[in-house]
Amino acid sequence: MDVEGIVAIAGFFTTVITIVIGLPLVKAHIRAKERNPALAPAEQEREQRLARMETAIEAIAVEVERISEGQRFVTKLLAERHAPAALPPEPREERR
């Protein structure tokens, strides 16, 4: 037998074994989900929680952008600010 024939036979048996083992597992999983409807509310609750988290994360992103924009503005102001003028020297009093 050549290599291609061996690969074809191995592929065939792998497919058959996967179907023979996988099909009952999938059926059992579907039956378990149908028997336990309590999971449906939990999934719905999870979806609601994820939606609330998404909303909160979007709000945080907006606030972070607002803060960074304020920081950019302050940085620009400080960069454009000229150094304060030096005070004129105090007049010296003559001692007698």
N, C-alpha and C. Protein backbone atom coordinates (compact mmCIF):
# COMPACT_ATOMS: atom_id res chain seq x y z
N MET A 1 0.84 -1.19 0.00
CA MET A 1 0.00 0.00 0.00
C MET A 1 0.88 1.24 0.00
N ASP A 2 0.40 2.21 -0.70
CA ASP A 2 1.14 3.46 -0.72
C ASP A 2 0.66 4.35 0.44
N VAL A 3 1.36 5.45 0.63
CA VAL A 3 1.09 6.35 1.75
C VAL A 3 -0.29 6.98 1.62
N GLU A 4 -0.70 7.33 0.42
CA GLU A 4 -2.01 7.96 0.24
C GLU A 4 -3.14 7.01 0.63
N GLY A 5 -2.99 5.74 0.33
CA GLY A 5 -3.99 4.75 0.71
C GLY A 5 -4.10 4.60 2.21
N ILE A 6 -2.96 4.60 2.88
CA ILE A 6 -2.95 4.50 4.35
C ILE A 6 -3.60 5.73 4.97
N VAL A 7 -3.30 6.90 4.44
CA VAL A 7 -3.89 8.14 4.97
C VAL A 7 -5.40 8.13 4.75
N ALA A 8 -5.86 7.65 3.60
CA ALA A 8 -7.29 7.58 3.31
C ALA A 8 -7.99 6.63 4.27
N ILE A 9 -7.40 5.46 4.51
CA ILE A 9 -8.00 4.49 5.44
C ILE A 9 -8.01 5.05 6.86
N ALA A 10 -6.91 5.68 7.29
CA ALA A 10 -6.86 6.27 8.63
C ALA A 10 -7.89 7.38 8.77
N GLY A 11 -8.04 8.20 7.74
CA GLY A 11 -9.05 9.26 7.77
C GLY A 11 -10.45 8.70 7.86
N PHE A 12 -10.72 7.62 7.12
CA PHE A 12 -12.04 7.00 7.16
C PHE A 12 -12.37 6.48 8.56
N PHE A 13 -11.43 5.73 9.14
CA PHE A 13 -11.70 5.18 10.47
C PHE A 13 -11.77 6.27 11.54
N THR A 14 -10.98 7.30 11.40
CA THR A 14 -11.06 8.42 12.35
C THR A 14 -12.43 9.07 12.27
N THR A 15 -12.94 9.26 11.07
CA THR A 15 -14.26 9.86 10.89
C THR A 15 -15.34 8.97 11.50
N VAL A 16 -15.27 7.67 11.25
CA VAL A 16 -16.26 6.74 11.78
C VAL A 16 -16.23 6.73 13.30
N ILE A 17 -15.05 6.68 13.88
CA ILE A 17 -14.93 6.67 15.35
C ILE A 17 -15.46 7.97 15.93
N THR A 18 -15.16 9.09 15.29
CA THR A 18 -15.64 10.39 15.78
C THR A 18 -17.16 10.43 15.75
N ILE A 19 -17.76 9.92 14.68
CA ILE A 19 -19.22 9.92 14.58
C ILE A 19 -19.83 8.98 15.62
N VAL A 20 -19.27 7.79 15.77
CA VAL A 20 -19.80 6.80 16.71
C VAL A 20 -19.73 7.31 18.14
N ILE A 21 -18.66 7.97 18.50
CA ILE A 21 -18.51 8.48 19.87
C ILE A 21 -19.19 9.84 20.03
N GLY A 22 -19.07 10.69 19.05
CA GLY A 22 -19.57 12.06 19.17
C GLY A 22 -21.07 12.18 19.13
N LEU A 23 -21.73 11.41 18.28
CA LEU A 23 -23.18 11.51 18.14
C LEU A 23 -23.91 11.22 19.45
N PRO A 24 -23.60 10.14 20.17
CA PRO A 24 -24.27 9.93 21.47
C PRO A 24 -23.95 11.03 22.49
N LEU A 25 -22.73 11.55 22.46
CA LEU A 25 -22.39 12.63 23.39
C LEU A 25 -23.22 13.88 23.10
N VAL A 26 -23.38 14.21 21.84
CA VAL A 26 -24.17 15.39 21.48
C VAL A 26 -25.63 15.17 21.87
N LYS A 27 -26.17 13.99 21.60
CA LYS A 27 -27.56 13.70 21.98
C LYS A 27 -27.74 13.80 23.50
N ALA A 28 -26.80 13.27 24.26
CA ALA A 28 -26.88 13.33 25.72
C ALA A 28 -26.83 14.78 26.20
N HIS A 29 -26.00 15.56 25.58
CA HIS A 29 -25.89 16.98 25.96
C HIS A 29 -27.20 17.71 25.68
N ILE A 30 -27.81 17.43 24.53
CA ILE A 30 -29.08 18.08 24.19
C ILE A 30 -30.18 17.64 25.16
N ARG A 31 -30.23 16.36 25.49
CA ARG A 31 -31.23 15.87 26.45
C ARG A 31 -31.03 16.51 27.82
N ALA A 32 -29.79 16.66 28.24
CA ALA A 32 -29.51 17.26 29.55
C ALA A 32 -29.97 18.71 29.58
N LYS A 33 -29.78 19.42 28.49
CA LYS A 33 -30.24 20.82 28.44
C LYS A 33 -31.76 20.89 28.47
N GLU A 34 -32.43 19.97 27.79
CA GLU A 34 -33.89 19.96 27.78
C GLU A 34 -34.45 19.59 29.15
N ARG A 35 -33.79 18.71 29.87
CA ARG A 35 -34.24 18.31 31.20
C ARG A 35 -34.04 19.39 32.24
N ASN A 36 -33.05 20.22 32.08
CA ASN A 36 -32.70 21.22 33.08
C ASN A 36 -32.96 22.62 32.52
N PRO A 37 -34.22 23.07 32.55
CA PRO A 37 -34.53 24.40 32.00
C PRO A 37 -34.08 25.53 32.92
N ALA A 38 -33.55 25.21 34.09
CA ALA A 38 -33.09 26.25 35.01
C ALA A 38 -31.88 26.99 34.44
N LEU A 39 -31.22 26.40 33.48
CA LEU A 39 -30.06 27.07 32.89
C LEU A 39 -30.48 28.27 32.04
N ALA A 40 -31.67 28.23 31.47
CA ALA A 40 -32.11 29.32 30.61
C ALA A 40 -32.16 30.66 31.36
N PRO A 41 -32.77 30.73 32.55
CA PRO A 41 -32.74 32.01 33.27
C PRO A 41 -31.32 32.44 33.64
N ALA A 42 -30.47 31.47 33.95
CA ALA A 42 -29.09 31.83 34.28
C ALA A 42 -28.40 32.45 33.08
N GLU A 43 -28.64 31.91 31.91
CA GLU A 43 -28.04 32.47 30.70
C GLU A 43 -28.60 33.86 30.43
N GLN A 44 -29.90 34.03 30.65
CA GLN A 44 -30.51 35.34 30.45
C GLN A 44 -29.94 36.35 31.44
N GLU A 45 -29.77 35.93 32.68
CA GLU A 45 -29.18 36.81 33.69
C GLU A 45 -27.75 37.17 33.32
N ARG A 46 -27.01 36.20 32.80
CA ARG A 46 -25.63 36.44 32.37
C ARG A 46 -25.59 37.46 31.23
N GLU A 47 -26.52 37.35 30.30
CA GLU A 47 -26.58 38.30 29.18
C GLU A 47 -26.88 39.71 29.69
N GLN A 48 -27.81 39.81 30.65
CA GLN A 48 -28.13 41.12 31.21
C GLN A 48 -26.93 41.71 31.93
N ARG A 49 -26.23 40.87 32.66
CA ARG A 49 -25.05 41.34 33.39
C ARG A 49 -23.97 41.81 32.42
N LEU A 50 -23.75 41.05 31.36
CA LEU A 50 -22.76 41.46 30.36
C LEU A 50 -23.16 42.78 29.69
N ALA A 51 -24.45 42.97 29.46
CA ALA A 51 -24.92 44.23 28.87
C ALA A 51 -24.65 45.40 29.82
N ARG A 52 -24.90 45.19 31.12
CA ARG A 52 -24.61 46.25 32.09
C ARG A 52 -23.12 46.55 32.15
N MET A 53 -22.30 45.49 32.11
CA MET A 53 -20.85 45.70 32.13
C MET A 53 -20.39 46.45 30.89
N GLU A 54 -20.96 46.13 29.75
CA GLU A 54 -20.60 46.82 28.51
C GLU A 54 -20.95 48.30 28.60
N THR A 55 -22.13 48.60 29.13
CA THR A 55 -22.54 49.99 29.30
C THR A 55 -21.59 50.72 30.24
N ALA A 56 -21.23 50.08 31.34
CA ALA A 56 -20.32 50.70 32.31
C ALA A 56 -18.95 50.93 31.70
N ILE A 57 -18.46 49.98 30.93
CA ILE A 57 -17.14 50.13 30.31
C ILE A 57 -17.15 51.27 29.30
N GLU A 58 -18.24 51.39 28.54
CA GLU A 58 -18.35 52.50 27.59
C GLU A 58 -18.37 53.84 28.33
N ALA A 59 -19.07 53.91 29.46
CA ALA A 59 -19.10 55.15 30.24
C ALA A 59 -17.71 55.48 30.78
N ILE A 60 -16.99 54.48 31.24
CA ILE A 60 -15.63 54.70 31.73
C ILE A 60 -14.74 55.19 30.60
N ALA A 61 -14.89 54.63 29.41
CA ALA A 61 -14.08 55.05 28.27
C ALA A 61 -14.34 56.52 27.93
N VAL A 62 -15.60 56.94 28.01
CA VAL A 62 -15.93 58.34 27.74
C VAL A 62 -15.28 59.25 28.78
N GLU A 63 -15.35 58.85 30.05
CA GLU A 63 -14.75 59.66 31.11
C GLU A 63 -13.23 59.73 30.98
N VAL A 64 -12.60 58.62 30.64
CA VAL A 64 -11.14 58.62 30.46
C VAL A 64 -10.77 59.55 29.31
N GLU A 65 -11.53 59.53 28.23
CA GLU A 65 -11.26 60.42 27.10
C GLU A 65 -11.42 61.88 27.52
N ARG A 66 -12.45 62.16 28.33
CA ARG A 66 -12.67 63.53 28.80
C ARG A 66 -11.50 63.98 29.67
N ILE A 67 -11.04 63.11 30.55
CA ILE A 67 -9.91 63.45 31.42
C ILE A 67 -8.65 63.67 30.60
N SER A 68 -8.41 62.80 29.63
CA SER A 68 -7.19 62.95 28.82
C SER A 68 -7.25 64.22 27.98
N GLU A 69 -8.45 64.59 27.52
CA GLU A 69 -8.57 65.84 26.77
C GLU A 69 -8.27 67.03 27.67
N GLY A 70 -8.74 66.99 28.91
CA GLY A 70 -8.42 68.06 29.86
C GLY A 70 -6.93 68.13 30.14
N GLN A 71 -6.30 66.99 30.25
CA GLN A 71 -4.86 66.97 30.50
C GLN A 71 -4.09 67.52 29.30
N ARG A 72 -4.53 67.17 28.09
CA ARG A 72 -3.88 67.73 26.90
C ARG A 72 -4.00 69.25 26.89
N PHE A 73 -5.18 69.75 27.28
CA PHE A 73 -5.40 71.19 27.30
C PHE A 73 -4.47 71.87 28.30
N VAL A 74 -4.39 71.30 29.51
CA VAL A 74 -3.52 71.89 30.54
C VAL A 74 -2.06 71.82 30.11
N THR A 75 -1.66 70.72 29.50
CA THR A 75 -0.28 70.59 29.02
C THR A 75 0.02 71.63 27.97
N LYS A 76 -0.93 71.87 27.08
CA LYS A 76 -0.75 72.89 26.04
C LYS A 76 -0.63 74.27 26.67
N LEU A 77 -1.47 74.55 27.66
CA LEU A 77 -1.38 75.86 28.33
C LEU A 77 -0.03 76.04 29.01
N LEU A 78 0.44 75.01 29.68
CA LEU A 78 1.73 75.11 30.37
C LEU A 78 2.88 75.25 29.37
N ALA A 79 2.76 74.61 28.23
CA ALA A 79 3.83 74.70 27.23
C ALA A 79 3.87 76.08 26.59
N GLU A 80 2.71 76.70 26.42
CA GLU A 80 2.66 78.02 25.80
C GLU A 80 2.95 79.14 26.79
N ARG A 81 2.91 78.85 28.03
CA ARG A 81 3.09 79.87 29.07
C ARG A 81 4.53 80.36 29.07
N HIS A 82 4.68 81.65 29.12
CA HIS A 82 6.02 82.23 29.17
C HIS A 82 6.51 82.25 30.61
N ALA A 83 7.81 82.23 30.75
CA ALA A 83 8.38 82.27 32.09
C ALA A 83 8.02 83.61 32.73
N PRO A 84 7.69 83.62 33.98
CA PRO A 84 7.33 84.89 34.62
C PRO A 84 8.54 85.83 34.62
N ALA A 85 8.24 87.09 34.46
CA ALA A 85 9.31 88.09 34.43
C ALA A 85 9.97 88.15 35.81
N ALA A 86 11.26 88.31 35.79
CA ALA A 86 12.00 88.40 37.05
C ALA A 86 11.68 89.72 37.72
N LEU A 87 11.67 89.69 39.02
CA LEU A 87 11.42 90.92 39.77
C LEU A 87 12.62 91.84 39.60
N PRO A 88 12.35 93.13 39.55
CA PRO A 88 13.49 94.05 39.45
C PRO A 88 14.30 93.99 40.74
N PRO A 89 15.60 94.22 40.64
CA PRO A 89 16.41 94.16 41.85
C PRO A 89 15.98 95.25 42.84
N GLU A 90 16.05 94.92 44.11
CA GLU A 90 15.66 95.89 45.13
C GLU A 90 16.73 96.98 45.21
N PRO A 91 16.28 98.19 45.40
CA PRO A 91 17.29 99.26 45.54
C PRO A 91 18.08 99.07 46.83
N ARG A 92 19.36 99.29 46.74
CA ARG A 92 20.21 99.12 47.91
C ARG A 92 20.20 100.40 48.73
N GLU A 93 20.10 100.17 49.98
CA GLU A 93 20.15 101.35 50.86
C GLU A 93 21.61 101.62 51.19
N GLU A 94 21.96 102.87 51.14
CA GLU A 94 23.34 103.22 51.45
C GLU A 94 23.49 103.31 52.96
N ARG A 95 24.57 102.77 53.46
CA ARG A 95 24.83 102.82 54.89
C ARG A 95 25.68 104.04 55.18
N ARG A 96 25.45 104.64 56.24
CA ARG A 96 26.21 105.84 56.60
C ARG A 96 27.15 105.61 57.69
